[in-house]
Amino acid sequence: MMKNIPVTYLHWPIILCGFILTAILLLTTNHALSEVKRYTGQTIYVPIYSHIYSGNRELPFYLTATLSIRNTDPDQPITVTAIDYYDSNGKLLKKYLQKNLTLNPMASTRVVIKESDKGGGSGANFIVKWESKNRVSEPIIESIMIGAQMQQGISFTSRGQVIKETE
C-alpha cells in the first residue's frame, strides 16, 4: 500500500488534464460567444504581385494575379464603389469601375491582371472601397497569384488590409 505518498503525486495528471479541459472549454465558449463584427463600409489595400524575383540574379518570375472580392453576408448586398489599380510607385494605372457594382449576398467578383501585364511591378496594389446601407459581415478581399515557367509553378495568396472604416 502507498500510505505515505502525498495525494498530489498520484493525482497531478488528472488535475492537469482538468485544467487543460477547462481552458479549452473557456476558450471555445468565448470564441462561440464572440459576435461577428459588422460594418457599413471599408477601404481595403490589397497587395498584387505581377512578378516576384528568384535566384541570385533576381530573375523576374511573371505571374497572373486575380483580385477576388467576396460578399460574405448571407442576407445583405454590398456595393463596391472603387477598384483602383496602382503600380509599385503608387501611380494609378487603372480604375476598374465606371459605376458602382452591387454584390448580392454570398456573391463575388474578380479582376484579372494578365501575366503579360508587367506595368504594376512587384509592389503593385489595389485599393477597393465598398459600402452597405446596413451593417454587414466583412467581405473577403484577397489576391491570388499564379505562374508557371518551364516545369516550375508557383501560386500564393495575399489578404487585403483595412486602411479605413466607414463610420
N, C-alpha and C. Protein backbone atom coordinates (compact mmCIF):
# COMPACT_ATOMS: atom_id res chain seq x y z
N MET A 1 0.82 -1.18 0.00
CA MET A 1 0.00 0.00 0.00
C MET A 1 0.87 1.24 0.00
N MET A 2 0.31 2.36 -0.45
CA MET A 2 1.05 3.61 -0.54
C MET A 2 0.48 4.61 0.45
N LYS A 3 0.71 4.37 1.70
CA LYS A 3 0.15 5.23 2.73
C LYS A 3 0.84 6.58 2.85
N ASN A 4 2.15 6.64 2.63
CA ASN A 4 2.92 7.85 2.88
C ASN A 4 3.14 8.75 1.65
N ILE A 5 2.65 8.36 0.48
CA ILE A 5 2.84 9.17 -0.73
C ILE A 5 1.76 10.25 -0.76
N PRO A 6 2.15 11.53 -0.91
CA PRO A 6 1.14 12.60 -0.94
C PRO A 6 0.17 12.41 -2.11
N VAL A 7 -1.04 12.81 -1.88
CA VAL A 7 -2.10 12.66 -2.88
C VAL A 7 -1.76 13.43 -4.17
N THR A 8 -1.08 14.57 -4.07
CA THR A 8 -0.79 15.38 -5.25
C THR A 8 0.09 14.63 -6.25
N TYR A 9 0.99 13.76 -5.78
CA TYR A 9 1.83 13.00 -6.70
C TYR A 9 1.03 11.96 -7.47
N LEU A 10 0.02 11.43 -6.87
CA LEU A 10 -0.79 10.42 -7.52
C LEU A 10 -1.83 11.03 -8.47
N HIS A 11 -2.27 12.23 -8.14
CA HIS A 11 -3.39 12.81 -8.88
C HIS A 11 -3.00 13.97 -9.80
N TRP A 12 -1.74 14.35 -9.88
CA TRP A 12 -1.37 15.51 -10.70
C TRP A 12 -1.72 15.34 -12.18
N PRO A 13 -1.60 14.12 -12.78
CA PRO A 13 -2.02 14.02 -14.19
C PRO A 13 -3.52 14.31 -14.38
N ILE A 14 -4.33 13.87 -13.43
CA ILE A 14 -5.77 14.10 -13.51
C ILE A 14 -6.08 15.59 -13.33
N ILE A 15 -5.40 16.21 -12.38
CA ILE A 15 -5.61 17.64 -12.13
C ILE A 15 -5.16 18.46 -13.35
N LEU A 16 -4.02 18.11 -13.93
CA LEU A 16 -3.51 18.81 -15.13
C LEU A 16 -4.49 18.67 -16.29
N CYS A 17 -4.99 17.47 -16.51
CA CYS A 17 -5.98 17.26 -17.58
C CYS A 17 -7.24 18.10 -17.32
N GLY A 18 -7.63 18.19 -16.05
CA GLY A 18 -8.80 19.00 -15.71
C GLY A 18 -8.57 20.47 -16.05
N PHE A 19 -7.39 20.99 -15.73
CA PHE A 19 -7.06 22.38 -16.06
C PHE A 19 -7.07 22.59 -17.59
N ILE A 20 -6.48 21.66 -18.31
CA ILE A 20 -6.42 21.78 -19.77
C ILE A 20 -7.83 21.77 -20.37
N LEU A 21 -8.66 20.83 -19.93
CA LEU A 21 -10.03 20.76 -20.44
C LEU A 21 -10.83 22.01 -20.09
N THR A 22 -10.62 22.54 -18.90
CA THR A 22 -11.31 23.77 -18.52
C THR A 22 -10.86 24.94 -19.40
N ALA A 23 -9.56 25.03 -19.66
CA ALA A 23 -9.05 26.11 -20.52
C ALA A 23 -9.61 25.99 -21.93
N ILE A 24 -9.65 24.78 -22.46
CA ILE A 24 -10.20 24.58 -23.80
C ILE A 24 -11.68 24.96 -23.82
N LEU A 25 -12.40 24.56 -22.82
CA LEU A 25 -13.83 24.89 -22.74
C LEU A 25 -14.04 26.40 -22.66
N LEU A 26 -13.25 27.09 -21.86
CA LEU A 26 -13.38 28.54 -21.76
C LEU A 26 -13.03 29.23 -23.06
N LEU A 27 -11.95 28.80 -23.71
CA LEU A 27 -11.56 29.41 -24.98
C LEU A 27 -12.62 29.16 -26.05
N THR A 28 -13.14 27.95 -26.11
CA THR A 28 -14.17 27.62 -27.09
C THR A 28 -15.45 28.39 -26.83
N THR A 29 -15.84 28.49 -25.58
CA THR A 29 -17.05 29.22 -25.23
C THR A 29 -16.90 30.70 -25.55
N ASN A 30 -15.76 31.30 -25.20
CA ASN A 30 -15.55 32.71 -25.51
C ASN A 30 -15.58 32.96 -27.01
N HIS A 31 -14.98 32.05 -27.78
CA HIS A 31 -14.97 32.21 -29.23
C HIS A 31 -16.39 32.08 -29.78
N ALA A 32 -17.14 31.11 -29.27
CA ALA A 32 -18.51 30.90 -29.76
C ALA A 32 -19.41 32.07 -29.39
N LEU A 33 -19.15 32.70 -28.26
CA LEU A 33 -19.99 33.80 -27.82
C LEU A 33 -19.60 35.13 -28.46
N SER A 34 -18.39 35.19 -29.05
CA SER A 34 -17.97 36.45 -29.65
C SER A 34 -18.86 36.75 -30.86
N GLU A 35 -19.24 37.98 -30.96
CA GLU A 35 -20.15 38.40 -32.01
C GLU A 35 -19.38 38.75 -33.28
N VAL A 36 -19.95 38.41 -34.42
CA VAL A 36 -19.34 38.76 -35.69
C VAL A 36 -19.42 40.27 -35.84
N LYS A 37 -18.29 40.90 -36.14
CA LYS A 37 -18.30 42.35 -36.32
C LYS A 37 -19.00 42.68 -37.63
N ARG A 38 -19.73 43.77 -37.61
CA ARG A 38 -20.48 44.21 -38.78
C ARG A 38 -20.04 45.62 -39.14
N TYR A 39 -20.03 45.91 -40.44
CA TYR A 39 -19.53 47.18 -40.94
C TYR A 39 -20.50 47.76 -41.97
N THR A 40 -20.39 49.08 -42.20
CA THR A 40 -21.16 49.71 -43.26
C THR A 40 -20.27 50.13 -44.43
N GLY A 41 -18.98 49.90 -44.32
CA GLY A 41 -18.07 50.20 -45.42
C GLY A 41 -16.62 50.19 -44.98
N GLN A 42 -15.74 49.98 -45.94
CA GLN A 42 -14.30 49.96 -45.67
C GLN A 42 -13.54 50.35 -46.94
N THR A 43 -12.30 50.76 -46.72
CA THR A 43 -11.32 50.91 -47.79
C THR A 43 -10.24 49.87 -47.52
N ILE A 44 -9.94 49.06 -48.52
CA ILE A 44 -9.04 47.92 -48.35
C ILE A 44 -7.84 48.07 -49.29
N TYR A 45 -6.64 47.86 -48.74
CA TYR A 45 -5.40 47.80 -49.52
C TYR A 45 -5.11 46.32 -49.78
N VAL A 46 -4.92 45.96 -51.07
CA VAL A 46 -4.66 44.56 -51.42
C VAL A 46 -3.36 44.47 -52.23
N PRO A 47 -2.32 43.83 -51.70
CA PRO A 47 -1.08 43.65 -52.46
C PRO A 47 -1.30 42.74 -53.67
N ILE A 48 -0.67 43.12 -54.78
CA ILE A 48 -0.70 42.32 -56.01
C ILE A 48 0.74 42.21 -56.48
N TYR A 49 1.12 41.03 -56.90
CA TYR A 49 2.48 40.81 -57.40
C TYR A 49 2.38 40.41 -58.87
N SER A 50 2.76 41.30 -59.79
CA SER A 50 2.77 40.93 -61.20
C SER A 50 4.00 40.07 -61.50
N HIS A 51 4.99 40.17 -60.63
CA HIS A 51 6.13 39.27 -60.70
C HIS A 51 6.86 39.27 -59.36
N ILE A 52 7.60 38.21 -59.14
CA ILE A 52 8.48 38.10 -57.98
C ILE A 52 9.86 37.76 -58.53
N TYR A 53 10.85 37.81 -57.68
CA TYR A 53 12.22 37.56 -58.13
C TYR A 53 12.71 36.23 -57.59
N SER A 54 13.55 35.56 -58.40
CA SER A 54 14.12 34.29 -57.95
C SER A 54 15.60 34.22 -58.34
N GLY A 55 16.31 33.41 -57.61
CA GLY A 55 17.72 33.17 -57.91
C GLY A 55 18.63 34.29 -57.45
N ASN A 56 19.92 34.04 -57.56
CA ASN A 56 20.93 35.01 -57.15
C ASN A 56 20.94 36.26 -58.03
N ARG A 57 20.47 36.12 -59.27
CA ARG A 57 20.48 37.25 -60.19
C ARG A 57 19.14 37.99 -60.20
N GLU A 58 18.27 37.63 -59.27
CA GLU A 58 16.95 38.26 -59.15
C GLU A 58 16.20 38.27 -60.48
N LEU A 59 16.08 37.11 -61.07
CA LEU A 59 15.35 36.98 -62.32
C LEU A 59 13.85 37.10 -62.05
N PRO A 60 13.13 37.90 -62.85
CA PRO A 60 11.70 38.03 -62.62
C PRO A 60 10.94 36.76 -63.01
N PHE A 61 10.00 36.40 -62.17
CA PHE A 61 9.10 35.27 -62.40
C PHE A 61 7.72 35.89 -62.55
N TYR A 62 7.20 35.96 -63.78
CA TYR A 62 5.96 36.68 -64.05
C TYR A 62 4.74 35.88 -63.64
N LEU A 63 3.73 36.60 -63.14
CA LEU A 63 2.56 35.96 -62.56
C LEU A 63 1.27 36.56 -63.11
N THR A 64 0.24 35.74 -63.15
CA THR A 64 -1.12 36.22 -63.36
C THR A 64 -1.70 36.47 -61.97
N ALA A 65 -2.33 37.61 -61.80
CA ALA A 65 -2.88 37.96 -60.49
C ALA A 65 -4.39 38.14 -60.61
N THR A 66 -5.11 37.60 -59.65
CA THR A 66 -6.56 37.75 -59.60
C THR A 66 -6.94 38.44 -58.30
N LEU A 67 -7.67 39.51 -58.40
CA LEU A 67 -8.27 40.16 -57.24
C LEU A 67 -9.64 39.54 -57.05
N SER A 68 -9.93 39.05 -55.87
CA SER A 68 -11.22 38.43 -55.57
C SER A 68 -11.92 39.23 -54.48
N ILE A 69 -13.17 39.60 -54.74
CA ILE A 69 -13.99 40.33 -53.77
C ILE A 69 -15.21 39.47 -53.50
N ARG A 70 -15.41 39.06 -52.24
CA ARG A 70 -16.47 38.13 -51.88
C ARG A 70 -17.35 38.72 -50.78
N ASN A 71 -18.62 38.84 -51.07
CA ASN A 71 -19.57 39.27 -50.05
C ASN A 71 -19.89 38.07 -49.17
N THR A 72 -19.48 38.12 -47.92
CA THR A 72 -19.70 37.01 -47.01
C THR A 72 -21.02 37.08 -46.26
N ASP A 73 -21.75 38.18 -46.43
CA ASP A 73 -23.01 38.32 -45.70
C ASP A 73 -24.10 37.48 -46.36
N PRO A 74 -24.77 36.62 -45.59
CA PRO A 74 -25.79 35.76 -46.18
C PRO A 74 -27.12 36.46 -46.47
N ASP A 75 -27.29 37.69 -45.96
CA ASP A 75 -28.59 38.35 -46.08
C ASP A 75 -28.59 39.69 -46.81
N GLN A 76 -27.46 40.40 -46.80
CA GLN A 76 -27.44 41.77 -47.31
C GLN A 76 -26.45 41.93 -48.46
N PRO A 77 -26.81 42.76 -49.46
CA PRO A 77 -25.85 43.06 -50.53
C PRO A 77 -24.82 44.09 -50.04
N ILE A 78 -23.72 44.18 -50.75
CA ILE A 78 -22.76 45.27 -50.56
C ILE A 78 -22.57 45.95 -51.91
N THR A 79 -22.11 47.19 -51.86
CA THR A 79 -21.84 47.93 -53.09
C THR A 79 -20.36 48.26 -53.15
N VAL A 80 -19.70 47.77 -54.18
CA VAL A 80 -18.29 48.09 -54.41
C VAL A 80 -18.27 49.41 -55.16
N THR A 81 -17.59 50.41 -54.59
CA THR A 81 -17.58 51.75 -55.18
C THR A 81 -16.27 52.09 -55.88
N ALA A 82 -15.21 51.33 -55.64
CA ALA A 82 -13.94 51.59 -56.31
C ALA A 82 -13.09 50.32 -56.34
N ILE A 83 -12.46 50.09 -57.47
CA ILE A 83 -11.42 49.07 -57.64
C ILE A 83 -10.33 49.76 -58.45
N ASP A 84 -9.33 50.28 -57.75
CA ASP A 84 -8.28 51.07 -58.40
C ASP A 84 -6.95 50.32 -58.31
N TYR A 85 -6.25 50.26 -59.44
CA TYR A 85 -5.00 49.51 -59.56
C TYR A 85 -3.82 50.47 -59.62
N TYR A 86 -2.84 50.28 -58.73
CA TYR A 86 -1.66 51.14 -58.62
C TYR A 86 -0.39 50.35 -58.88
N ASP A 87 0.63 51.02 -59.40
CA ASP A 87 1.91 50.37 -59.62
C ASP A 87 2.79 50.46 -58.37
N SER A 88 4.01 49.95 -58.49
CA SER A 88 4.95 49.92 -57.35
C SER A 88 5.30 51.30 -56.82
N ASN A 89 5.18 52.34 -57.66
CA ASN A 89 5.49 53.70 -57.25
C ASN A 89 4.28 54.47 -56.74
N GLY A 90 3.13 53.80 -56.67
CA GLY A 90 1.92 54.46 -56.19
C GLY A 90 1.15 55.21 -57.26
N LYS A 91 1.53 55.03 -58.51
CA LYS A 91 0.85 55.70 -59.62
C LYS A 91 -0.40 54.91 -60.00
N LEU A 92 -1.53 55.61 -60.11
CA LEU A 92 -2.78 54.97 -60.52
C LEU A 92 -2.65 54.50 -61.97
N LEU A 93 -2.82 53.21 -62.20
CA LEU A 93 -2.74 52.64 -63.54
C LEU A 93 -4.11 52.52 -64.19
N LYS A 94 -5.12 52.11 -63.40
CA LYS A 94 -6.43 51.89 -64.00
C LYS A 94 -7.51 51.88 -62.92
N LYS A 95 -8.64 52.52 -63.25
CA LYS A 95 -9.85 52.44 -62.43
C LYS A 95 -10.72 51.38 -63.08
N TYR A 96 -11.00 50.29 -62.36
CA TYR A 96 -11.74 49.18 -62.95
C TYR A 96 -13.26 49.35 -62.88
N LEU A 97 -13.75 50.31 -62.12
CA LEU A 97 -15.20 50.53 -62.05
C LEU A 97 -15.56 51.88 -62.66
N GLN A 98 -16.48 51.86 -63.60
CA GLN A 98 -17.01 53.11 -64.13
C GLN A 98 -18.30 53.48 -63.39
N LYS A 99 -18.95 52.48 -62.79
CA LYS A 99 -20.13 52.71 -61.95
C LYS A 99 -20.09 51.69 -60.82
N ASN A 100 -20.84 51.98 -59.76
CA ASN A 100 -20.86 51.09 -58.60
C ASN A 100 -21.32 49.69 -59.00
N LEU A 101 -20.80 48.70 -58.27
CA LEU A 101 -21.11 47.30 -58.52
C LEU A 101 -21.75 46.71 -57.27
N THR A 102 -22.98 46.21 -57.40
CA THR A 102 -23.66 45.58 -56.27
C THR A 102 -23.35 44.09 -56.27
N LEU A 103 -22.90 43.61 -55.11
CA LEU A 103 -22.69 42.17 -54.92
C LEU A 103 -23.79 41.66 -54.00
N ASN A 104 -24.63 40.80 -54.51
CA ASN A 104 -25.70 40.22 -53.72
C ASN A 104 -25.13 39.36 -52.59
N PRO A 105 -25.96 38.96 -51.64
CA PRO A 105 -25.47 38.10 -50.56
C PRO A 105 -24.76 36.87 -51.13
N MET A 106 -23.58 36.59 -50.60
CA MET A 106 -22.76 35.44 -50.94
C MET A 106 -22.20 35.48 -52.37
N ALA A 107 -22.32 36.61 -53.05
CA ALA A 107 -21.81 36.74 -54.42
C ALA A 107 -20.36 37.21 -54.41
N SER A 108 -19.70 37.08 -55.55
CA SER A 108 -18.31 37.53 -55.66
C SER A 108 -18.05 38.09 -57.05
N THR A 109 -16.92 38.78 -57.16
CA THR A 109 -16.46 39.29 -58.44
C THR A 109 -14.94 39.21 -58.46
N ARG A 110 -14.37 39.43 -59.63
CA ARG A 110 -12.92 39.33 -59.76
C ARG A 110 -12.40 40.29 -60.81
N VAL A 111 -11.12 40.59 -60.67
CA VAL A 111 -10.38 41.34 -61.69
C VAL A 111 -9.10 40.54 -61.92
N VAL A 112 -8.77 40.31 -63.19
CA VAL A 112 -7.58 39.53 -63.52
C VAL A 112 -6.55 40.44 -64.18
N ILE A 113 -5.33 40.39 -63.66
CA ILE A 113 -4.18 41.07 -64.26
C ILE A 113 -3.38 39.98 -64.98
N LYS A 114 -3.32 40.08 -66.29
CA LYS A 114 -2.66 39.04 -67.08
C LYS A 114 -1.16 38.98 -66.81
N GLU A 115 -0.60 37.81 -66.99
CA GLU A 115 0.84 37.61 -66.80
C GLU A 115 1.64 38.54 -67.70
N SER A 116 1.12 38.85 -68.87
CA SER A 116 1.82 39.73 -69.82
C SER A 116 1.78 41.20 -69.40
N ASP A 117 0.93 41.56 -68.46
CA ASP A 117 0.82 42.94 -67.98
C ASP A 117 1.85 43.16 -66.88
N LYS A 118 2.97 43.77 -67.24
CA LYS A 118 4.07 43.96 -66.29
C LYS A 118 4.08 45.36 -65.69
N GLY A 119 3.06 46.17 -65.99
CA GLY A 119 3.03 47.57 -65.57
C GLY A 119 3.00 47.80 -64.07
N GLY A 120 2.38 46.88 -63.34
CA GLY A 120 2.25 47.08 -61.90
C GLY A 120 3.55 46.88 -61.14
N GLY A 121 4.33 45.93 -61.55
CA GLY A 121 5.57 45.63 -60.86
C GLY A 121 5.36 44.75 -59.64
N SER A 122 6.43 44.50 -58.95
CA SER A 122 6.36 43.59 -57.81
C SER A 122 5.69 44.21 -56.59
N GLY A 123 5.48 45.51 -56.60
CA GLY A 123 4.83 46.18 -55.46
C GLY A 123 3.47 46.76 -55.81
N ALA A 124 2.83 46.22 -56.85
CA ALA A 124 1.52 46.73 -57.26
C ALA A 124 0.47 46.47 -56.18
N ASN A 125 -0.65 47.21 -56.27
CA ASN A 125 -1.72 47.00 -55.30
C ASN A 125 -3.04 47.51 -55.84
N PHE A 126 -4.09 47.05 -55.20
CA PHE A 126 -5.44 47.55 -55.45
C PHE A 126 -5.91 48.30 -54.22
N ILE A 127 -6.70 49.32 -54.43
CA ILE A 127 -7.49 49.93 -53.37
C ILE A 127 -8.94 49.62 -53.72
N VAL A 128 -9.61 48.93 -52.83
CA VAL A 128 -11.00 48.55 -53.02
C VAL A 128 -11.83 49.25 -51.95
N LYS A 129 -12.91 49.90 -52.38
CA LYS A 129 -13.83 50.54 -51.45
C LYS A 129 -15.20 49.89 -51.60
N TRP A 130 -15.84 49.65 -50.48
CA TRP A 130 -17.18 49.09 -50.51
C TRP A 130 -18.02 49.75 -49.43
N GLU A 131 -19.35 49.67 -49.60
CA GLU A 131 -20.27 50.24 -48.61
C GLU A 131 -21.55 49.42 -48.60
N SER A 132 -22.34 49.64 -47.56
CA SER A 132 -23.63 48.97 -47.44
C SER A 132 -24.58 49.87 -46.67
N LYS A 133 -25.86 49.80 -47.00
CA LYS A 133 -26.87 50.58 -46.27
C LYS A 133 -27.05 50.04 -44.86
N ASN A 134 -26.83 48.76 -44.69
CA ASN A 134 -26.96 48.10 -43.39
C ASN A 134 -25.60 47.56 -42.96
N ARG A 135 -25.46 47.30 -41.68
CA ARG A 135 -24.24 46.67 -41.19
C ARG A 135 -24.20 45.23 -41.69
N VAL A 136 -23.04 44.85 -42.25
CA VAL A 136 -22.87 43.51 -42.83
C VAL A 136 -21.58 42.88 -42.33
N SER A 137 -21.48 41.57 -42.49
CA SER A 137 -20.22 40.90 -42.17
C SER A 137 -19.15 41.35 -43.17
N GLU A 138 -17.94 41.36 -42.71
CA GLU A 138 -16.82 41.87 -43.52
C GLU A 138 -16.59 40.99 -44.75
N PRO A 139 -16.51 41.59 -45.93
CA PRO A 139 -16.21 40.78 -47.12
C PRO A 139 -14.78 40.27 -47.08
N ILE A 140 -14.53 39.23 -47.84
CA ILE A 140 -13.16 38.74 -48.03
C ILE A 140 -12.64 39.35 -49.32
N ILE A 141 -11.55 40.08 -49.21
CA ILE A 141 -10.94 40.71 -50.38
C ILE A 141 -9.48 40.29 -50.37
N GLU A 142 -9.09 39.53 -51.40
CA GLU A 142 -7.75 38.97 -51.44
C GLU A 142 -7.26 38.87 -52.87
N SER A 143 -5.98 38.61 -53.00
CA SER A 143 -5.40 38.40 -54.32
C SER A 143 -4.81 36.99 -54.38
N ILE A 144 -4.87 36.44 -55.58
CA ILE A 144 -4.31 35.12 -55.83
C ILE A 144 -3.36 35.27 -57.00
N MET A 145 -2.13 34.87 -56.82
CA MET A 145 -1.12 34.96 -57.88
C MET A 145 -0.70 33.55 -58.29
N ILE A 146 -0.52 33.37 -59.59
CA ILE A 146 -0.10 32.06 -60.09
C ILE A 146 0.76 32.26 -61.33
N GLY A 147 1.77 31.42 -61.46
CA GLY A 147 2.64 31.49 -62.63
C GLY A 147 3.32 30.16 -62.87
N ALA A 148 3.71 29.92 -64.10
CA ALA A 148 4.43 28.70 -64.45
C ALA A 148 5.45 29.03 -65.53
N GLN A 149 6.65 28.54 -65.33
CA GLN A 149 7.71 28.68 -66.32
C GLN A 149 8.42 27.34 -66.41
N MET A 150 8.54 26.85 -67.64
CA MET A 150 9.10 25.52 -67.89
C MET A 150 8.34 24.51 -67.03
N GLN A 151 9.00 23.85 -66.11
CA GLN A 151 8.33 22.86 -65.28
C GLN A 151 8.16 23.35 -63.85
N GLN A 152 8.32 24.63 -63.62
CA GLN A 152 8.18 25.17 -62.28
C GLN A 152 6.93 26.04 -62.20
N GLY A 153 6.17 25.85 -61.16
CA GLY A 153 4.98 26.66 -60.94
C GLY A 153 4.96 27.22 -59.54
N ILE A 154 4.25 28.33 -59.39
CA ILE A 154 4.15 28.96 -58.08
C ILE A 154 2.77 29.57 -57.96
N SER A 155 2.21 29.51 -56.78
CA SER A 155 0.94 30.19 -56.51
C SER A 155 0.91 30.57 -55.03
N PHE A 156 0.28 31.70 -54.74
CA PHE A 156 0.12 32.15 -53.37
C PHE A 156 -0.98 33.18 -53.30
N THR A 157 -1.43 33.46 -52.09
CA THR A 157 -2.49 34.45 -51.88
C THR A 157 -2.01 35.55 -50.96
N SER A 158 -2.73 36.66 -51.00
CA SER A 158 -2.43 37.77 -50.11
C SER A 158 -3.76 38.40 -49.70
N ARG A 159 -4.00 38.53 -48.41
CA ARG A 159 -5.25 39.10 -47.91
C ARG A 159 -5.18 40.62 -47.92
N GLY A 160 -6.32 41.25 -48.14
CA GLY A 160 -6.42 42.69 -48.08
C GLY A 160 -6.32 43.19 -46.65
N GLN A 161 -5.89 44.43 -46.50
CA GLN A 161 -5.71 45.07 -45.20
C GLN A 161 -6.62 46.29 -45.13
N VAL A 162 -7.46 46.34 -44.11
CA VAL A 162 -8.33 47.51 -43.94
C VAL A 162 -7.48 48.73 -43.61
N ILE A 163 -7.66 49.80 -44.38
CA ILE A 163 -6.93 51.05 -44.08
C ILE A 163 -7.87 52.16 -43.66
N LYS A 164 -9.20 51.93 -43.82
CA LYS A 164 -10.16 52.91 -43.35
C LYS A 164 -11.52 52.22 -43.21
N GLU A 165 -12.21 52.56 -42.12
CA GLU A 165 -13.56 52.05 -41.92
C GLU A 165 -14.54 53.20 -41.99
N THR A 166 -15.70 52.93 -42.58
CA THR A 166 -16.75 53.94 -42.66
C THR A 166 -17.52 53.93 -41.35
N GLU A 167 -17.72 55.10 -40.82
CA GLU A 167 -18.48 55.21 -39.56
C GLU A 167 -19.94 55.27 -39.80
